[in-house]
C-alpha atoms as a PDB file:
ATOM      1  CA  UNK A   1      19.203  13.591  -2.746  1.00  0.00           C
ATOM      2  CA  UNK A   2      18.022  16.728  -0.975  1.00  0.00           C
ATOM      3  CA  UNK A   3      14.889  18.640  -1.764  1.00  0.00           C
ATOM      4  CA  UNK A   4      15.476  22.276  -2.602  1.00  0.00           C
ATOM      5  CA  UNK A   5      13.732  24.574  -0.188  1.00  0.00           C
ATOM      6  CA  UNK A   6      11.640  27.435  -1.492  1.00  0.00           C
ATOM      7  CA  UNK A   7      12.938  30.753  -0.256  1.00  0.00           C
ATOM      8  CA  UNK A   8      11.751  34.318  -0.256  1.00  0.00           C
ATOM      9  CA  UNK A   9      13.482  37.626   0.116  1.00  0.00           C
ATOM     10  CA  UNK A  10      12.813  39.804   3.154  1.00  0.00           C
ATOM     11  CA  UNK A  11      13.643  43.488   2.824  1.00  0.00           C
ATOM     12  CA  UNK A  12      13.737  46.158   5.500  1.00  0.00           C
ATOM     13  CA  UNK A  13      14.873  49.750   5.720  1.00  0.00           C
ATOM     14  CA  UNK A  14      17.224  50.913   8.441  1.00  0.00           C
ATOM     15  CA  UNK A  15      19.464  53.961   8.660  1.00  0.00           C
ATOM     16  CA  UNK A  16      22.810  53.369   6.935  1.00  0.00           C
ATOM     17  CA  UNK A  17      24.744  53.951  10.157  1.00  0.00           C
ATOM     18  CA  UNK A  18      22.761  51.269  11.994  1.00  0.00           C
ATOM     19  CA  UNK A  19      23.308  48.778   9.171  1.00  0.00           C
ATOM     20  CA  UNK A  20      27.040  49.508   9.154  1.00  0.00           C
ATOM     21  CA  UNK A  21      27.316  49.093  12.935  1.00  0.00           C
ATOM     22  CA  UNK A  22      25.305  45.864  12.899  1.00  0.00           C
ATOM     23  CA  UNK A  23      27.444  44.510  10.052  1.00  0.00           C
ATOM     24  CA  UNK A  24      30.579  45.136  12.119  1.00  0.00           C
ATOM     25  CA  UNK A  25      29.107  43.325  15.125  1.00  0.00           C
ATOM     26  CA  UNK A  26      27.942  40.224  13.258  1.00  0.00           C
ATOM     27  CA  UNK A  27      31.189  40.039  11.290  1.00  0.00           C
ATOM     28  CA  UNK A  28      32.993  39.525  14.613  1.00  0.00           C
ATOM     29  CA  UNK A  29      31.040  36.250  14.822  1.00  0.00           C
ATOM     30  CA  UNK A  30      31.968  35.288  11.276  1.00  0.00           C
ATOM     31  CA  UNK A  31      28.487  36.128   9.979  1.00  0.00           C
ATOM     32  CA  UNK A  32      27.036  38.415   7.389  1.00  0.00           C
ATOM     33  CA  UNK A  33      24.049  40.609   8.158  1.00  0.00           C
ATOM     34  CA  UNK A  34      21.810  38.364   6.033  1.00  0.00           C
ATOM     35  CA  UNK A  35      22.951  35.347   8.077  1.00  0.00           C
ATOM     36  CA  UNK A  36      22.091  37.128  11.330  1.00  0.00           C
ATOM     37  CA  UNK A  37      18.643  38.166  10.079  1.00  0.00           C
ATOM     38  CA  UNK A  38      17.995  34.616   8.815  1.00  0.00           C
ATOM     39  CA  UNK A  39      18.962  33.247  12.258  1.00  0.00           C
ATOM     40  CA  UNK A  40      16.634  35.733  13.980  1.00  0.00           C
ATOM     41  CA  UNK A  41      13.666  34.933  11.724  1.00  0.00           C
ATOM     42  CA  UNK A  42      14.290  31.180  12.081  1.00  0.00           C
ATOM     43  CA  UNK A  43      14.315  31.500  15.861  1.00  0.00           C
ATOM     44  CA  UNK A  44      11.027  33.431  15.803  1.00  0.00           C
ATOM     45  CA  UNK A  45       9.451  30.671  13.724  1.00  0.00           C
ATOM     46  CA  UNK A  46      10.766  27.827  15.888  1.00  0.00           C
ATOM     47  CA  UNK A  47      10.021  29.431  19.270  1.00  0.00           C
ATOM     48  CA  UNK A  48       6.713  31.022  18.186  1.00  0.00           C
ATOM     49  CA  UNK A  49       7.734  34.255  19.905  1.00  0.00           C
ATOM     50  CA  UNK A  50      10.005  37.235  19.426  1.00  0.00           C
ATOM     51  CA  UNK A  51      13.279  36.364  21.186  1.00  0.00           C
ATOM     52  CA  UNK A  52      13.687  39.859  22.610  1.00  0.00           C
ATOM     53  CA  UNK A  53      12.356  41.622  25.661  1.00  0.00           C
ATOM     54  CA  UNK A  54      10.034  44.158  24.072  1.00  0.00           C
ATOM     55  CA  UNK A  55       8.073  44.843  27.237  1.00  0.00           C
ATOM     56  CA  UNK A  56      10.326  47.885  27.690  1.00  0.00           C
ATOM     57  CA  UNK A  57       9.920  50.654  25.107  1.00  0.00           C
ATOM     58  CA  UNK A  58      12.508  50.086  22.394  1.00  0.00           C
ATOM     59  CA  UNK A  59      13.903  53.596  22.718  1.00  0.00           C
ATOM     60  CA  UNK A  60      15.061  52.881  26.260  1.00  0.00           C
ATOM     61  CA  UNK A  61      16.621  49.454  25.635  1.00  0.00           C
ATOM     62  CA  UNK A  62      20.013  50.984  24.950  1.00  0.00           C
ATOM     63  CA  UNK A  63      21.744  54.311  25.057  1.00  0.00           C
ATOM     64  CA  UNK A  64      21.624  54.498  21.266  1.00  0.00           C
ATOM     65  CA  UNK A  65      18.908  57.152  21.387  1.00  0.00           C
ATOM     66  CA  UNK A  66      20.976  59.280  23.770  1.00  0.00           C
ATOM     67  CA  UNK A  67      24.017  59.091  21.534  1.00  0.00           C
ATOM     68  CA  UNK A  68      22.051  59.607  18.316  1.00  0.00           C
ATOM     69  CA  UNK A  69      19.129  61.994  18.935  1.00  0.00           C
ATOM     70  CA  UNK A  70      18.704  62.390  15.167  1.00  0.00           C
ATOM     71  CA  UNK A  71      17.150  58.883  15.109  1.00  0.00           C
ATOM     72  CA  UNK A  72      14.718  59.442  17.990  1.00  0.00           C
ATOM     73  CA  UNK A  73      11.657  59.949  15.768  1.00  0.00           C
ATOM     74  CA  UNK A  74      12.578  56.809  13.797  1.00  0.00           C
ATOM     75  CA  UNK A  75      12.972  54.778  17.010  1.00  0.00           C
ATOM     76  CA  UNK A  76       9.653  56.090  18.350  1.00  0.00           C
ATOM     77  CA  UNK A  77       7.888  55.035  15.132  1.00  0.00           C
ATOM     78  CA  UNK A  78       9.294  51.506  15.465  1.00  0.00           C
ATOM     79  CA  UNK A  79       8.294  51.327  19.145  1.00  0.00           C
ATOM     80  CA  UNK A  80       4.756  52.434  18.325  1.00  0.00           C
ATOM     81  CA  UNK A  81       4.567  49.817  15.573  1.00  0.00           C
ATOM     82  CA  UNK A  82       5.451  47.040  18.027  1.00  0.00           C
ATOM     83  CA  UNK A  83       3.007  48.284  20.625  1.00  0.00           C
ATOM     84  CA  UNK A  84       0.038  48.761  18.321  1.00  0.00           C
ATOM     85  CA  UNK A  85       0.359  46.011  15.700  1.00  0.00           C
END
């Protein structure tokens, strides 16, 4: 007999376009977006670190900001949140 694990819901807001693009990427691996987020959060908990290189400002990690200047303020807010939390 297995013991049921307690779970909680994690919610976040991202631009619709980003969610749609991420959904397409993870679906290529046979995953849903919730599965991918659950994997990411589980890895953070197990490794006791964020499994990303965030020493570089987030806005320069990819060319996303160059291709989508309308999200630049949003990206800058996220980068500031990581740097000053």
